[in-house]
């Protein structure tokens, strides 16, 4: 790649935009912290308004959240591309009626330079004390470190099903 093309690419790096709330430094100081904040910000009892400003503060501009879902009952699984506000719109009515507590139960992390990939196995409960989760799955999380903080660039996930059970190797730390 020529130097001029590299400069063009570098000049296209999108700076932090004013519509992204300032993050709590403790939430974005490390990979562990930002993953914990991501799970914490969507968890809570039925009817409790989530701290969507905190949630938004974790994501890089134009970040994507991508559930793997069936668009309708007869369809095959497919990715659904959402931005942060799209995810909020998708879950807000559900959270108004149902408790939702999601937590990480296992993780695999790969890091190189300023990028990281976290394979985060999760389980979800309606109440923190529920004996069994109603759902489990895996989040594939891509992160970027800008020199001062971590950002979530992308979360792509799939729920466990009878057709796709979580392999044992993803139920323990690596």
Protein backbone atom coordinates (compact mmCIF):
# COMPACT_ATOMS: atom_id res chain seq x y z
CA UNK A 1 0.00 0.00 0.00
CA UNK A 2 1.40 3.42 -0.90
CA UNK A 3 2.04 6.07 1.74
CA UNK A 4 -0.66 8.31 0.27
CA UNK A 5 -3.27 5.53 0.58
CA UNK A 6 -2.22 4.90 4.18
CA UNK A 7 -2.70 8.60 4.94
CA UNK A 8 -6.18 8.50 3.43
CA UNK A 9 -7.09 5.49 5.54
CA UNK A 10 -5.64 7.10 8.65
CA UNK A 11 -7.56 10.33 7.99
CA UNK A 12 -10.81 8.31 7.83
CA UNK A 13 -10.51 7.20 11.46
CA UNK A 14 -13.67 8.46 13.09
CA UNK A 15 -13.05 10.57 16.21
CA UNK A 16 -15.15 10.26 19.35
CA UNK A 17 -18.46 11.96 18.69
CA UNK A 18 -20.39 14.18 21.09
CA UNK A 19 -23.50 11.94 21.03
CA UNK A 20 -21.62 9.18 22.88
CA UNK A 21 -21.86 9.77 26.63
CA UNK A 22 -18.67 10.03 28.66
CA UNK A 23 -17.83 6.61 30.09
CA UNK A 24 -17.09 5.94 33.72
CA UNK A 25 -13.30 5.39 33.58
CA UNK A 26 -13.69 2.28 35.76
CA UNK A 27 -16.02 0.74 33.13
CA UNK A 28 -13.50 1.03 30.28
CA UNK A 29 -10.12 0.68 32.01
CA UNK A 30 -9.60 -2.98 31.07
CA UNK A 31 -11.09 -5.82 29.07
CA UNK A 32 -12.48 -7.32 32.28
CA UNK A 33 -14.07 -4.00 33.24
CA UNK A 34 -15.81 -3.30 29.93
CA UNK A 35 -17.16 -6.86 29.66
CA UNK A 36 -18.51 -6.66 33.23
CA UNK A 37 -20.08 -3.25 32.50
CA UNK A 38 -21.72 -4.56 29.32
CA UNK A 39 -23.42 -7.40 31.21
CA UNK A 40 -24.29 -5.20 34.19
CA UNK A 41 -25.86 -2.41 32.13
CA UNK A 42 -28.48 -4.69 30.55
CA UNK A 43 -29.31 -6.62 33.74
CA UNK A 44 -32.09 -5.73 36.19
CA UNK A 45 -35.58 -6.50 37.46
CA UNK A 46 -38.76 -6.22 35.39
CA UNK A 47 -39.81 -2.63 34.94
CA UNK A 48 -36.48 -1.12 35.93
CA UNK A 49 -35.27 1.37 33.35
CA UNK A 50 -31.75 0.39 32.34
CA UNK A 51 -28.93 2.94 32.34
CA UNK A 52 -28.85 3.34 28.58
CA UNK A 53 -26.36 6.21 28.77
CA UNK A 54 -23.91 3.86 30.47
CA UNK A 55 -24.60 1.24 27.82
CA UNK A 56 -24.03 3.75 25.00
CA UNK A 57 -20.76 4.93 26.59
CA UNK A 58 -19.18 1.49 26.13
CA UNK A 59 -19.51 1.38 22.33
CA UNK A 60 -17.32 2.86 19.61
CA UNK A 61 -19.17 5.11 17.13
CA UNK A 62 -21.21 2.99 14.69
CA UNK A 63 -20.62 -0.19 16.74
CA UNK A 64 -22.83 -3.14 15.87
CA UNK A 65 -24.77 -5.58 18.01
CA UNK A 66 -25.68 -8.66 16.04
CA UNK A 67 -28.03 -11.28 17.42
CA UNK A 68 -28.30 -14.47 15.40
CA UNK A 69 -32.02 -15.04 15.19
CA UNK A 70 -34.82 -16.40 13.04
CA UNK A 71 -36.59 -13.52 11.31
CA UNK A 72 -39.77 -15.64 11.44
CA UNK A 73 -40.69 -19.11 12.65
CA UNK A 74 -40.03 -20.76 9.29
CA UNK A 75 -36.71 -19.05 8.60
CA UNK A 76 -33.17 -20.24 9.23
CA UNK A 77 -30.87 -18.44 11.64
CA UNK A 78 -29.45 -15.20 10.26
CA UNK A 79 -27.59 -12.21 11.69
CA UNK A 80 -29.68 -9.14 12.55
CA UNK A 81 -27.52 -6.00 12.36
CA UNK A 82 -28.33 -3.39 15.00
CA UNK A 83 -26.69 -0.26 16.33
CA UNK A 84 -26.85 0.47 20.07
CA UNK A 85 -30.15 2.36 19.77
CA UNK A 86 -31.57 -0.49 17.67
CA UNK A 87 -30.73 -2.95 20.43
CA UNK A 88 -32.31 -0.69 23.05
CA UNK A 89 -35.51 -0.46 20.96
CA UNK A 90 -35.50 -4.26 20.54
CA UNK A 91 -35.24 -5.07 24.27
CA UNK A 92 -36.87 -2.18 26.15
CA UNK A 93 -40.43 -3.53 26.05
CA UNK A 94 -39.22 -6.99 27.09
CA UNK A 95 -37.33 -5.51 30.07
CA UNK A 96 -40.45 -3.57 31.08
CA UNK A 97 -42.28 -6.88 31.57
CA UNK A 98 -39.50 -9.35 32.48
CA UNK A 99 -36.54 -9.45 34.79
CA UNK A 100 -33.33 -10.08 32.91
CA UNK A 101 -29.98 -10.87 34.50
CA UNK A 102 -27.19 -11.92 32.19
CA UNK A 103 -23.77 -12.97 33.42
CA UNK A 104 -20.63 -14.39 31.96
CA UNK A 105 -19.84 -17.97 32.94
CA UNK A 106 -16.69 -18.59 30.86
CA UNK A 107 -14.34 -16.60 28.63
CA UNK A 108 -11.63 -16.97 26.02
CA UNK A 109 -9.63 -13.86 25.14
CA UNK A 110 -7.18 -13.20 22.34
CA UNK A 111 -5.35 -9.90 22.13
CA UNK A 112 -2.90 -8.33 19.70
CA UNK A 113 -1.77 -4.73 19.95
CA UNK A 114 -4.85 -2.58 20.42
CA UNK A 115 -7.45 -5.14 19.39
CA UNK A 116 -8.99 -7.98 21.37
CA UNK A 117 -11.51 -10.70 20.73
CA UNK A 118 -13.50 -12.10 23.64
CA UNK A 119 -15.52 -15.30 23.30
CA UNK A 120 -17.87 -14.88 26.27
CA UNK A 121 -20.23 -17.68 27.28
CA UNK A 122 -23.26 -16.31 29.13
CA UNK A 123 -26.38 -17.39 30.94
CA UNK A 124 -29.56 -15.40 31.53
CA UNK A 125 -32.04 -15.56 34.40
CA UNK A 126 -35.27 -13.69 35.18
CA UNK A 127 -34.12 -13.26 38.80
CA UNK A 128 -30.55 -13.45 40.12
CA UNK A 129 -31.48 -16.35 42.42
CA UNK A 130 -33.25 -18.49 39.82
CA UNK A 131 -31.82 -22.03 40.08
CA UNK A 132 -31.53 -22.51 36.30
CA UNK A 133 -30.97 -20.05 33.46
CA UNK A 134 -33.75 -19.67 30.90
CA UNK A 135 -31.16 -19.04 28.20
CA UNK A 136 -27.45 -19.51 27.50
CA UNK A 137 -25.29 -18.56 24.56
CA UNK A 138 -22.02 -17.15 23.35
CA UNK A 139 -21.11 -13.52 22.70
CA UNK A 140 -18.30 -12.87 20.22
CA UNK A 141 -17.03 -9.45 21.30
CA UNK A 142 -14.51 -7.35 19.38
CA UNK A 143 -12.76 -4.59 21.31
CA UNK A 144 -10.45 -1.68 20.51
CA UNK A 145 -8.05 0.15 22.85
CA UNK A 146 -7.48 3.77 21.79
CA UNK A 147 -4.59 4.35 24.17
CA UNK A 148 -6.81 5.69 26.94
CA UNK A 149 -9.77 3.28 27.17
CA UNK A 150 -11.38 0.14 25.74
CA UNK A 151 -14.30 0.33 23.31
CA UNK A 152 -16.75 -2.35 22.18
CA UNK A 153 -16.72 -2.37 18.38
CA UNK A 154 -19.00 -5.35 17.83
CA UNK A 155 -20.95 -8.00 19.72
CA UNK A 156 -22.21 -10.95 17.67
CA UNK A 157 -24.10 -13.67 19.54
CA UNK A 158 -26.07 -16.85 19.27
CA UNK A 159 -28.28 -18.48 21.86
CA UNK A 160 -27.88 -22.11 22.72
CA UNK A 161 -30.54 -24.45 21.32
CA UNK A 162 -31.14 -28.19 21.17
CA UNK A 163 -29.75 -28.04 17.64
CA UNK A 164 -26.71 -25.99 18.75
CA UNK A 165 -25.74 -26.85 22.34
CA UNK A 166 -22.73 -25.02 23.78
CA UNK A 167 -19.67 -27.28 23.48
CA UNK A 168 -18.06 -28.21 26.79
CA UNK A 169 -14.83 -26.41 25.84
CA UNK A 170 -16.72 -23.08 25.91
CA UNK A 171 -18.11 -23.72 29.38
CA UNK A 172 -14.70 -23.40 31.04
CA UNK A 173 -12.01 -20.73 31.05
CA UNK A 174 -9.12 -21.17 28.64
